[in-house]
Amino acid sequence: MAATQPITAYQMRRYTIRTAIYVVLAVFLLMFIVPVYLVVITSLKDPATINLATTWNLPEKPFWESYAQVFQAFSGRLQNSAALVIGATIFSSVLGSINGYVLAKWRIPGEKFFFPLIIFGMFIPYQAILIPLFEFMRDINLYGGIPGLIVIHTVYGLPITTLIFRNFYVDIPDEMLESAAIDGANFFRMYTQIVFPLSLPGFVVVIIWQFTQIWNEFLFAVTMTNADSQPITVGLAQLAGGEAVKWNLPMAGAIVAALPPLLVYIVLGRYFIRGLLAGSIKG
């Protein structure tokens, strides 16, 4: 029988570092799971049994009526959020793709000025333009409804979508577009037949990013809409308001509100990092 070789100092140090990393990751995982655990079990408790003494206890019997009440209260707002996020995500993605295509592959006067100016829009806080935006939307008769909110999120999403697509398109060989131009292809034909089919990774990144940002946004949702057009984030805040709160309802509402972005990540998540890295190393 071969003798067991002793563990070297290097192997011991490597094992210790790896163990320490796993311990730190386990702590972070626990920090993430504990709030989720509390939200889930509280949403399934009868409101009469919710108190500090039983905070960590599992419900004796799941109280599914919480979700029925939330869906009944949120049905209209869920539709508003769906219309908002689908419309704004599509418009901001397509327009950002065209902007990125122009800035990456076309030489236009002032491009070195326009690109930083567009990117600067990412650093303008919502609060800084809230009052003039309110006045502007009211003057053009788009205040109070979902169409106006779609316009706002489309415009506010253009800087980040333009940046992502511009960095992504820089790596497309110029020879492909030059050959298409020689064959008589115009601007939009080159975009639709060459650039757009190659843009799937970029669109996945942008769709996930925009979907999450728009779905979870609250400030514009509460200030730029009337009662009939408010998305789910406003309803969730109202659900948790007041002096006497039935905590099972806000917790159930939080889970319902979190499910759509979570599903998007589950379906498209494997493409997200791939597309994000593809854009980050180009340009």
C-alpha atoms as a PDB file:
ATOM      1  CA  MET A   1       0.000   0.000   0.000  1.00  0.00           C
ATOM      2  CA  ALA A   2       1.393   3.336  -1.021  1.00  0.00           C
ATOM      3  CA  ALA A   3       2.148   5.707   1.802  1.00  0.00           C
ATOM      4  CA  THR A   4      -0.069   8.756   2.109  1.00  0.00           C
ATOM      5  CA  GLN A   5       1.847  11.879   1.207  1.00  0.00           C
ATOM      6  CA  PRO A   6       1.817  14.579   3.901  1.00  0.00           C
ATOM      7  CA  ILE A   7      -0.135  17.776   3.254  1.00  0.00           C
ATOM      8  CA  THR A   8       2.225  20.582   2.362  1.00  0.00           C
ATOM      9  CA  ALA A   9       2.043  24.062   3.847  1.00  0.00           C
ATOM     10  CA  TYR A  10       0.864  25.424   0.500  1.00  0.00           C
ATOM     11  CA  GLN A  11      -1.998  22.916   0.321  1.00  0.00           C
ATOM     12  CA  MET A  12      -2.995  23.665   3.913  1.00  0.00           C
ATOM     13  CA  ARG A  13      -3.000  27.420   3.251  1.00  0.00           C
ATOM     14  CA  ARG A  14      -5.040  26.893   0.074  1.00  0.00           C
ATOM     15  CA  TYR A  15      -7.525  24.698   1.935  1.00  0.00           C
ATOM     16  CA  THR A  16      -7.845  27.288   4.727  1.00  0.00           C
ATOM     17  CA  ILE A  17      -8.482  30.120   2.262  1.00  0.00           C
ATOM     18  CA  ARG A  18     -11.073  28.075   0.387  1.00  0.00           C
ATOM     19  CA  THR A  19     -12.827  27.156   3.639  1.00  0.00           C
ATOM     20  CA  ALA A  20     -12.866  30.802   4.712  1.00  0.00           C
ATOM     21  CA  ILE A  21     -14.395  31.801   1.368  1.00  0.00           C
ATOM     22  CA  TYR A  22     -17.122  29.178   1.723  1.00  0.00           C
ATOM     23  CA  VAL A  23     -17.878  30.371   5.260  1.00  0.00           C
ATOM     24  CA  VAL A  24     -18.179  33.979   4.101  1.00  0.00           C
ATOM     25  CA  LEU A  25     -20.430  32.937   1.196  1.00  0.00           C
ATOM     26  CA  ALA A  26     -22.594  30.898   3.573  1.00  0.00           C
ATOM     27  CA  VAL A  27     -22.974  33.932   5.841  1.00  0.00           C
ATOM     28  CA  PHE A  28     -24.017  36.120   2.912  1.00  0.00           C
ATOM     29  CA  LEU A  29     -26.441  33.425   1.753  1.00  0.00           C
ATOM     30  CA  LEU A  30     -27.954  33.305   5.223  1.00  0.00           C
ATOM     31  CA  MET A  31     -28.290  37.093   5.288  1.00  0.00           C
ATOM     32  CA  PHE A  32     -30.219  36.878   2.024  1.00  0.00           C
ATOM     33  CA  ILE A  33     -32.404  33.919   2.948  1.00  0.00           C
ATOM     34  CA  VAL A  34     -33.544  35.155   6.378  1.00  0.00           C
ATOM     35  CA  PRO A  35     -35.586  38.139   5.073  1.00  0.00           C
ATOM     36  CA  VAL A  36     -37.042  35.977   2.296  1.00  0.00           C
ATOM     37  CA  TYR A  37     -38.002  33.344   4.863  1.00  0.00           C
ATOM     38  CA  LEU A  38     -39.756  35.935   7.016  1.00  0.00           C
ATOM     39  CA  VAL A  39     -41.634  37.383   4.049  1.00  0.00           C
ATOM     40  CA  VAL A  40     -42.835  33.967   2.875  1.00  0.00           C
ATOM     41  CA  ILE A  41     -43.972  32.623   6.256  1.00  0.00           C
ATOM     42  CA  THR A  42     -45.630  35.920   7.224  1.00  0.00           C
ATOM     43  CA  SER A  43     -47.578  35.981   3.980  1.00  0.00           C
ATOM     44  CA  LEU A  44     -48.952  32.526   4.823  1.00  0.00           C
ATOM     45  CA  LYS A  45     -50.040  33.356   8.380  1.00  0.00           C
ATOM     46  CA  ASP A  46     -53.496  34.262   9.582  1.00  0.00           C
ATOM     47  CA  PRO A  47     -53.341  37.988  10.497  1.00  0.00           C
ATOM     48  CA  ALA A  48     -54.706  37.169  13.972  1.00  0.00           C
ATOM     49  CA  THR A  49     -51.621  35.054  14.723  1.00  0.00           C
ATOM     50  CA  ILE A  50     -48.965  37.542  13.579  1.00  0.00           C
ATOM     51  CA  ASN A  51     -46.994  39.017  16.464  1.00  0.00           C
ATOM     52  CA  LEU A  52     -43.390  39.485  17.549  1.00  0.00           C
ATOM     53  CA  ALA A  53     -43.409  36.399  19.750  1.00  0.00           C
ATOM     54  CA  THR A  54     -44.220  34.107  16.800  1.00  0.00           C
ATOM     55  CA  THR A  55     -42.253  35.957  14.118  1.00  0.00           C
ATOM     56  CA  TRP A  56     -39.974  33.023  13.311  1.00  0.00           C
ATOM     57  CA  ASN A  57     -42.572  30.290  13.678  1.00  0.00           C
ATOM     58  CA  LEU A  58     -43.986  28.514  10.652  1.00  0.00           C
ATOM     59  CA  PRO A  59     -47.734  28.937  10.123  1.00  0.00           C
ATOM     60  CA  GLU A  60     -49.829  26.146  11.593  1.00  0.00           C
ATOM     61  CA  LYS A  61     -51.993  26.234   8.461  1.00  0.00           C
ATOM     62  CA  PRO A  62     -51.253  28.211   5.270  1.00  0.00           C
ATOM     63  CA  PHE A  63     -53.514  31.254   4.979  1.00  0.00           C
ATOM     64  CA  TRP A  64     -53.892  31.430   1.187  1.00  0.00           C
ATOM     65  CA  GLU A  65     -56.566  34.121   1.450  1.00  0.00           C
ATOM     66  CA  SER A  66     -53.749  36.680   1.642  1.00  0.00           C
ATOM     67  CA  TYR A  67     -52.819  36.021  -1.975  1.00  0.00           C
ATOM     68  CA  ALA A  68     -56.450  36.015  -3.071  1.00  0.00           C
ATOM     69  CA  GLN A  69     -56.932  39.450  -1.504  1.00  0.00           C
ATOM     70  CA  VAL A  70     -53.722  40.767  -3.028  1.00  0.00           C
ATOM     71  CA  PHE A  71     -54.612  39.582  -6.529  1.00  0.00           C
ATOM     72  CA  GLN A  72     -58.060  41.102  -6.146  1.00  0.00           C
ATOM     73  CA  ALA A  73     -56.592  44.418  -5.019  1.00  0.00           C
ATOM     74  CA  PHE A  74     -53.708  44.398  -7.511  1.00  0.00           C
ATOM     75  CA  SER A  75     -55.394  43.111 -10.655  1.00  0.00           C
ATOM     76  CA  GLY A  76     -55.679  46.548 -12.249  1.00  0.00           C
ATOM     77  CA  ARG A  77     -52.237  47.649 -11.125  1.00  0.00           C
ATOM     78  CA  LEU A  78     -50.680  44.440 -12.429  1.00  0.00           C
ATOM     79  CA  GLN A  79     -52.162  45.201 -15.834  1.00  0.00           C
ATOM     80  CA  ASN A  80     -50.833  48.763 -15.621  1.00  0.00           C
ATOM     81  CA  SER A  81     -47.350  47.517 -14.721  1.00  0.00           C
ATOM     82  CA  ALA A  82     -47.417  44.931 -17.512  1.00  0.00           C
ATOM     83  CA  ALA A  83     -48.425  47.522 -20.118  1.00  0.00           C
ATOM     84  CA  LEU A  84     -45.827  49.962 -18.803  1.00  0.00           C
ATOM     85  CA  VAL A  85     -42.904  47.570 -18.647  1.00  0.00           C
ATOM     86  CA  ILE A  86     -43.613  45.908 -22.006  1.00  0.00           C
ATOM     87  CA  GLY A  87     -44.063  49.190 -23.856  1.00  0.00           C
ATOM     88  CA  ALA A  88     -41.134  51.053 -22.277  1.00  0.00           C
ATOM     89  CA  THR A  89     -38.773  48.090 -22.526  1.00  0.00           C
ATOM     90  CA  ILE A  90     -39.511  47.533 -26.221  1.00  0.00           C
ATOM     91  CA  PHE A  91     -39.212  51.203 -27.176  1.00  0.00           C
ATOM     92  CA  SER A  92     -36.070  51.888 -25.136  1.00  0.00           C
ATOM     93  CA  SER A  93     -34.407  48.687 -26.390  1.00  0.00           C
ATOM     94  CA  VAL A  94     -35.098  49.318 -30.064  1.00  0.00           C
ATOM     95  CA  LEU A  95     -34.209  53.019 -29.936  1.00  0.00           C
ATOM     96  CA  GLY A  96     -31.088  52.270 -27.895  1.00  0.00           C
ATOM     97  CA  SER A  97     -30.098  49.647 -30.455  1.00  0.00           C
ATOM     98  CA  ILE A  98     -30.444  52.124 -33.316  1.00  0.00           C
ATOM     99  CA  ASN A  99     -28.518  54.774 -31.362  1.00  0.00           C
ATOM    100  CA  GLY A 100     -25.755  52.294 -30.598  1.00  0.00           C
ATOM    101  CA  TYR A 101     -25.616  51.232 -34.247  1.00  0.00           C
ATOM    102  CA  VAL A 102     -25.245  54.833 -35.412  1.00  0.00           C
ATOM    103  CA  LEU A 103     -22.638  55.753 -32.804  1.00  0.00           C
ATOM    104  CA  ALA A 104     -20.599  52.578 -33.382  1.00  0.00           C
ATOM    105  CA  LYS A 105     -20.655  52.270 -37.168  1.00  0.00           C
ATOM    106  CA  TRP A 106     -21.516  55.633 -38.695  1.00  0.00           C
ATOM    107  CA  ARG A 107     -19.432  58.757 -38.753  1.00  0.00           C
ATOM    108  CA  ILE A 108     -21.711  61.708 -38.047  1.00  0.00           C
ATOM    109  CA  PRO A 109     -20.817  65.320 -37.251  1.00  0.00           C
ATOM    110  CA  GLY A 110     -20.463  65.870 -33.519  1.00  0.00           C
ATOM    111  CA  GLU A 111     -20.534  62.185 -32.558  1.00  0.00           C
ATOM    112  CA  LYS A 112     -17.798  62.694 -29.964  1.00  0.00           C
ATOM    113  CA  PHE A 113     -20.023  65.310 -28.361  1.00  0.00           C
ATOM    114  CA  PHE A 114     -23.357  63.506 -28.634  1.00  0.00           C
ATOM    115  CA  PHE A 115     -22.263  60.205 -27.117  1.00  0.00           C
ATOM    116  CA  PRO A 116     -20.983  61.652 -23.790  1.00  0.00           C
ATOM    117  CA  LEU A 117     -24.046  63.888 -23.698  1.00  0.00           C
ATOM    118  CA  ILE A 118     -26.344  60.886 -24.016  1.00  0.00           C
ATOM    119  CA  ILE A 119     -24.415  58.936 -21.373  1.00  0.00           C
ATOM    120  CA  PHE A 120     -24.614  61.943 -19.038  1.00  0.00           C
ATOM    121  CA  GLY A 121     -28.355  61.292 -18.847  1.00  0.00           C
ATOM    122  CA  MET A 122     -27.651  58.213 -16.685  1.00  0.00           C
ATOM    123  CA  PHE A 123     -26.339  60.440 -13.908  1.00  0.00           C
ATOM    124  CA  ILE A 124     -29.285  62.826 -13.702  1.00  0.00           C
ATOM    125  CA  PRO A 125     -31.318  61.872 -10.608  1.00  0.00           C
ATOM    126  CA  TYR A 126     -35.066  61.579 -10.959  1.00  0.00           C
ATOM    127  CA  GLN A 127     -35.670  64.170  -8.248  1.00  0.00           C
ATOM    128  CA  ALA A 128     -33.693  66.839 -10.130  1.00  0.00           C
ATOM    129  CA  ILE A 129     -36.079  66.924 -13.081  1.00  0.00           C
ATOM    130  CA  LEU A 130     -39.326  65.944 -11.359  1.00  0.00           C
ATOM    131  CA  ILE A 131     -41.009  69.372 -11.298  1.00  0.00           C
ATOM    132  CA  PRO A 132     -40.121  70.458 -14.879  1.00  0.00           C
ATOM    133  CA  LEU A 133     -41.010  66.965 -16.104  1.00  0.00           C
ATOM    134  CA  PHE A 134     -44.391  67.213 -14.383  1.00  0.00           C
ATOM    135  CA  GLU A 135     -45.066  70.558 -16.066  1.00  0.00           C
ATOM    136  CA  PHE A 136     -43.898  69.282 -19.458  1.00  0.00           C
ATOM    137  CA  MET A 137     -46.007  66.132 -19.360  1.00  0.00           C
ATOM    138  CA  ARG A 138     -49.046  68.157 -18.365  1.00  0.00           C
ATOM    139  CA  ASP A 139     -48.459  70.655 -21.189  1.00  0.00           C
ATOM    140  CA  ILE A 140     -48.361  67.891 -23.828  1.00  0.00           C
ATOM    141  CA  ASN A 141     -51.404  66.131 -22.295  1.00  0.00           C
ATOM    142  CA  LEU A 142     -49.529  62.972 -21.330  1.00  0.00           C
ATOM    143  CA  TYR A 143     -49.700  63.404 -17.577  1.00  0.00           C
ATOM    144  CA  GLY A 144     -51.620  60.873 -15.522  1.00  0.00           C
ATOM    145  CA  GLY A 145     -51.643  57.799 -17.770  1.00  0.00           C
ATOM    146  CA  ILE A 146     -49.554  54.823 -18.755  1.00  0.00           C
ATOM    147  CA  PRO A 147     -48.571  56.270 -22.196  1.00  0.00           C
ATOM    148  CA  GLY A 148     -46.889  59.225 -20.499  1.00  0.00           C
ATOM    149  CA  LEU A 149     -45.072  56.922 -18.103  1.00  0.00           C
ATOM    150  CA  ILE A 150     -43.907  54.798 -21.047  1.00  0.00           C
ATOM    151  CA  VAL A 151     -42.450  57.912 -22.689  1.00  0.00           C
ATOM    152  CA  ILE A 152     -40.645  58.887 -19.477  1.00  0.00           C
ATOM    153  CA  HIS A 153     -39.054  55.477 -18.962  1.00  0.00           C
ATOM    154  CA  THR A 154     -38.179  55.178 -22.642  1.00  0.00           C
ATOM    155  CA  VAL A 155     -36.300  58.473 -22.597  1.00  0.00           C
ATOM    156  CA  TYR A 156     -34.673  57.766 -19.236  1.00  0.00           C
ATOM    157  CA  GLY A 157     -33.624  54.307 -20.431  1.00  0.00           C
ATOM    158  CA  LEU A 158     -31.951  55.522 -23.637  1.00  0.00           C
ATOM    159  CA  PRO A 159     -28.551  56.373 -22.061  1.00  0.00           C
ATOM    160  CA  ILE A 160     -27.910  52.910 -20.633  1.00  0.00           C
ATOM    161  CA  THR A 161     -29.381  51.055 -23.627  1.00  0.00           C
ATOM    162  CA  THR A 162     -27.369  53.194 -26.033  1.00  0.00           C
ATOM    163  CA  LEU A 163     -24.175  52.524 -24.079  1.00  0.00           C
ATOM    164  CA  ILE A 164     -24.723  48.770 -23.981  1.00  0.00           C
ATOM    165  CA  PHE A 165     -25.560  48.479 -27.673  1.00  0.00           C
ATOM    166  CA  ARG A 166     -22.830  50.854 -28.792  1.00  0.00           C
ATOM    167  CA  ASN A 167     -20.194  48.778 -26.978  1.00  0.00           C
ATOM    168  CA  PHE A 168     -21.727  45.618 -28.391  1.00  0.00           C
ATOM    169  CA  TYR A 169     -21.795  46.823 -32.012  1.00  0.00           C
ATOM    170  CA  VAL A 170     -18.209  48.068 -32.046  1.00  0.00           C
ATOM    171  CA  ASP A 171     -17.024  44.477 -32.517  1.00  0.00           C
ATOM    172  CA  ILE A 172     -19.129  43.858 -35.637  1.00  0.00           C
ATOM    173  CA  PRO A 173     -16.665  43.816 -38.578  1.00  0.00           C
ATOM    174  CA  ASP A 174     -16.906  46.942 -40.694  1.00  0.00           C
ATOM    175  CA  GLU A 175     -16.327  44.801 -43.782  1.00  0.00           C
ATOM    176  CA  MET A 176     -19.788  43.255 -43.395  1.00  0.00           C
ATOM    177  CA  LEU A 177     -21.472  46.642 -43.543  1.00  0.00           C
ATOM    178  CA  GLU A 178     -19.201  47.892 -46.301  1.00  0.00           C
ATOM    179  CA  SER A 179     -20.070  44.854 -48.443  1.00  0.00           C
ATOM    180  CA  ALA A 180     -23.765  45.463 -47.834  1.00  0.00           C
ATOM    181  CA  ALA A 181     -23.348  49.132 -48.790  1.00  0.00           C
ATOM    182  CA  ILE A 182     -21.613  48.146 -52.022  1.00  0.00           C
ATOM    183  CA  ASP A 183     -24.567  45.868 -52.790  1.00  0.00           C
ATOM    184  CA  GLY A 184     -26.882  48.861 -52.407  1.00  0.00           C
ATOM    185  CA  ALA A 185     -28.193  48.307 -48.884  1.00  0.00           C
ATOM    186  CA  ASN A 186     -29.308  51.472 -47.137  1.00  0.00           C
ATOM    187  CA  PHE A 187     -29.136  52.372 -43.437  1.00  0.00           C
ATOM    188  CA  PHE A 188     -32.234  50.503 -42.301  1.00  0.00           C
ATOM    189  CA  ARG A 189     -31.638  47.481 -44.509  1.00  0.00           C
ATOM    190  CA  MET A 190     -28.166  47.009 -43.029  1.00  0.00           C
ATOM    191  CA  TYR A 191     -29.626  47.362 -39.555  1.00  0.00           C
ATOM    192  CA  THR A 192     -32.538  44.971 -40.027  1.00  0.00           C
ATOM    193  CA  GLN A 193     -30.688  42.295 -42.033  1.00  0.00           C
ATOM    194  CA  ILE A 194     -27.177  42.389 -40.516  1.00  0.00           C
ATOM    195  CA  VAL A 195     -26.991  44.253 -37.228  1.00  0.00           C
ATOM    196  CA  PHE A 196     -30.304  43.317 -35.638  1.00  0.00           C
ATOM    197  CA  PRO A 197     -29.929  39.517 -36.087  1.00  0.00           C
ATOM    198  CA  LEU A 198     -26.549  39.709 -34.316  1.00  0.00           C
ATOM    199  CA  SER A 199     -27.980  41.673 -31.396  1.00  0.00           C
ATOM    200  CA  LEU A 200     -29.635  38.906 -29.358  1.00  0.00           C
ATOM    201  CA  PRO A 201     -27.111  38.962 -26.461  1.00  0.00           C
ATOM    202  CA  GLY A 202     -27.343  42.733 -26.275  1.00  0.00           C
ATOM    203  CA  PHE A 203     -31.134  42.685 -26.293  1.00  0.00           C
ATOM    204  CA  VAL A 204     -31.199  40.087 -23.506  1.00  0.00           C
ATOM    205  CA  VAL A 205     -29.052  42.318 -21.295  1.00  0.00           C
ATOM    206  CA  VAL A 206     -31.096  45.410 -22.068  1.00  0.00           C
ATOM    207  CA  ILE A 207     -34.457  43.684 -21.630  1.00  0.00           C
ATOM    208  CA  ILE A 208     -33.526  42.262 -18.228  1.00  0.00           C
ATOM    209  CA  TRP A 209     -32.071  45.578 -17.089  1.00  0.00           C
ATOM    210  CA  GLN A 210     -34.956  47.721 -18.293  1.00  0.00           C
ATOM    211  CA  PHE A 211     -37.645  45.290 -17.163  1.00  0.00           C
ATOM    212  CA  THR A 212     -36.249  45.221 -13.637  1.00  0.00           C
ATOM    213  CA  GLN A 213     -35.684  48.974 -13.393  1.00  0.00           C
ATOM    214  CA  ILE A 214     -39.085  49.925 -14.771  1.00  0.00           C
ATOM    215  CA  TRP A 215     -41.046  47.304 -12.839  1.00  0.00           C
ATOM    216  CA  ASN A 216     -39.496  48.348  -9.510  1.00  0.00           C
ATOM    217  CA  GLU A 217     -39.517  52.125 -10.082  1.00  0.00           C
ATOM    218  CA  PHE A 218     -41.652  54.115  -7.640  1.00  0.00           C
ATOM    219  CA  LEU A 219     -41.041  57.878  -7.856  1.00  0.00           C
ATOM    220  CA  PHE A 220     -42.363  58.459 -11.385  1.00  0.00           C
ATOM    221  CA  ALA A 221     -45.069  55.869 -10.766  1.00  0.00           C
ATOM    222  CA  VAL A 222     -46.503  57.785  -7.817  1.00  0.00           C
ATOM    223  CA  THR A 223     -46.048  61.328  -9.160  1.00  0.00           C
ATOM    224  CA  MET A 224     -46.827  60.980 -12.866  1.00  0.00           C
ATOM    225  CA  THR A 225     -49.991  58.871 -12.783  1.00  0.00           C
ATOM    226  CA  ASN A 226     -53.533  59.182 -11.552  1.00  0.00           C
ATOM    227  CA  ALA A 227     -55.270  56.619  -9.346  1.00  0.00           C
ATOM    228  CA  ASP A 228     -56.474  54.493 -12.263  1.00  0.00           C
ATOM    229  CA  SER A 229     -53.044  54.239 -13.926  1.00  0.00           C
ATOM    230  CA  GLN A 230     -50.804  53.509 -10.947  1.00  0.00           C
ATOM    231  CA  PRO A 231     -48.510  50.455 -11.273  1.00  0.00           C
ATOM    232  CA  ILE A 232     -48.022  47.767  -8.684  1.00  0.00           C
ATOM    233  CA  THR A 233     -45.234  49.512  -6.741  1.00  0.00           C
ATOM    234  CA  VAL A 234     -47.633  52.284  -5.716  1.00  0.00           C
ATOM    235  CA  GLY A 235     -50.260  49.763  -4.659  1.00  0.00           C
ATOM    236  CA  LEU A 236     -47.689  47.883  -2.609  1.00  0.00           C
ATOM    237  CA  ALA A 237     -46.696  51.055  -0.768  1.00  0.00           C
ATOM    238  CA  GLN A 238     -50.334  51.862  -0.054  1.00  0.00           C
ATOM    239  CA  LEU A 239     -50.911  48.333   1.158  1.00  0.00           C
ATOM    240  CA  ALA A 240     -48.284  48.782   3.853  1.00  0.00           C
ATOM    241  CA  GLY A 241     -49.476  52.242   4.861  1.00  0.00           C
ATOM    242  CA  GLY A 242     -51.659  53.230   7.778  1.00  0.00           C
ATOM    243  CA  GLU A 243     -51.444  52.698  11.510  1.00  0.00           C
ATOM    244  CA  ALA A 244     -52.937  49.194  11.688  1.00  0.00           C
ATOM    245  CA  VAL A 245     -51.293  46.986   9.075  1.00  0.00           C
ATOM    246  CA  LYS A 246     -52.232  43.384   8.394  1.00  0.00           C
ATOM    247  CA  TRP A 247     -48.686  42.274   7.658  1.00  0.00           C
ATOM    248  CA  ASN A 248     -49.719  39.174   5.776  1.00  0.00           C
ATOM    249  CA  LEU A 249     -51.011  41.372   2.932  1.00  0.00           C
ATOM    250  CA  PRO A 250     -47.854  43.494   2.355  1.00  0.00           C
ATOM    251  CA  MET A 251     -45.746  40.344   2.493  1.00  0.00           C
ATOM    252  CA  ALA A 252     -47.958  38.542  -0.011  1.00  0.00           C
ATOM    253  CA  GLY A 253     -47.986  41.666  -2.164  1.00  0.00           C
ATOM    254  CA  ALA A 254     -44.187  41.837  -2.076  1.00  0.00           C
ATOM    255  CA  ILE A 255     -43.961  38.245  -3.312  1.00  0.00           C
ATOM    256  CA  VAL A 256     -46.479  38.892  -6.098  1.00  0.00           C
ATOM    257  CA  ALA A 257     -44.613  42.045  -7.131  1.00  0.00           C
ATOM    258  CA  ALA A 258     -41.260  40.250  -7.126  1.00  0.00           C
ATOM    259  CA  LEU A 259     -42.347  37.273  -9.237  1.00  0.00           C
ATOM    260  CA  PRO A 260     -42.283  38.856 -12.753  1.00  0.00           C
ATOM    261  CA  PRO A 261     -38.660  40.125 -12.552  1.00  0.00           C
ATOM    262  CA  LEU A 262     -37.652  36.833 -10.949  1.00  0.00           C
ATOM    263  CA  LEU A 263     -39.217  34.865 -13.800  1.00  0.00           C
ATOM    264  CA  VAL A 264     -37.451  37.047 -16.345  1.00  0.00           C
ATOM    265  CA  TYR A 265     -34.108  36.311 -14.675  1.00  0.00           C
ATOM    266  CA  ILE A 266     -34.879  32.596 -14.532  1.00  0.00           C
ATOM    267  CA  VAL A 267     -35.770  32.447 -18.232  1.00  0.00           C
ATOM    268  CA  LEU A 268     -33.060  34.790 -19.575  1.00  0.00           C
ATOM    269  CA  GLY A 269     -30.477  34.745 -16.790  1.00  0.00           C
ATOM    270  CA  ARG A 270     -28.058  32.355 -18.485  1.00  0.00           C
ATOM    271  CA  TYR A 271     -27.774  34.792 -21.398  1.00  0.00           C
ATOM    272  CA  PHE A 272     -27.430  37.865 -19.194  1.00  0.00           C
ATOM    273  CA  ILE A 273     -23.814  37.494 -18.048  1.00  0.00           C
ATOM    274  CA  ARG A 274     -22.757  36.297 -21.503  1.00  0.00           C
ATOM    275  CA  GLY A 275     -24.263  39.345 -23.173  1.00  0.00           C
ATOM    276  CA  LEU A 276     -23.036  41.726 -20.487  1.00  0.00           C
ATOM    277  CA  LEU A 277     -19.461  40.512 -20.788  1.00  0.00           C
ATOM    278  CA  ALA A 278     -19.683  40.629 -24.570  1.00  0.00           C
ATOM    279  CA  GLY A 279     -20.521  44.296 -24.354  1.00  0.00           C
ATOM    280  CA  SER A 280     -18.050  45.126 -21.594  1.00  0.00           C
ATOM    281  CA  ILE A 281     -14.923  44.069 -23.454  1.00  0.00           C
ATOM    282  CA  LYS A 282     -15.704  45.834 -26.711  1.00  0.00           C
ATOM    283  CA  GLY A 283     -15.054  49.350 -27.756  1.00  0.00           C
END
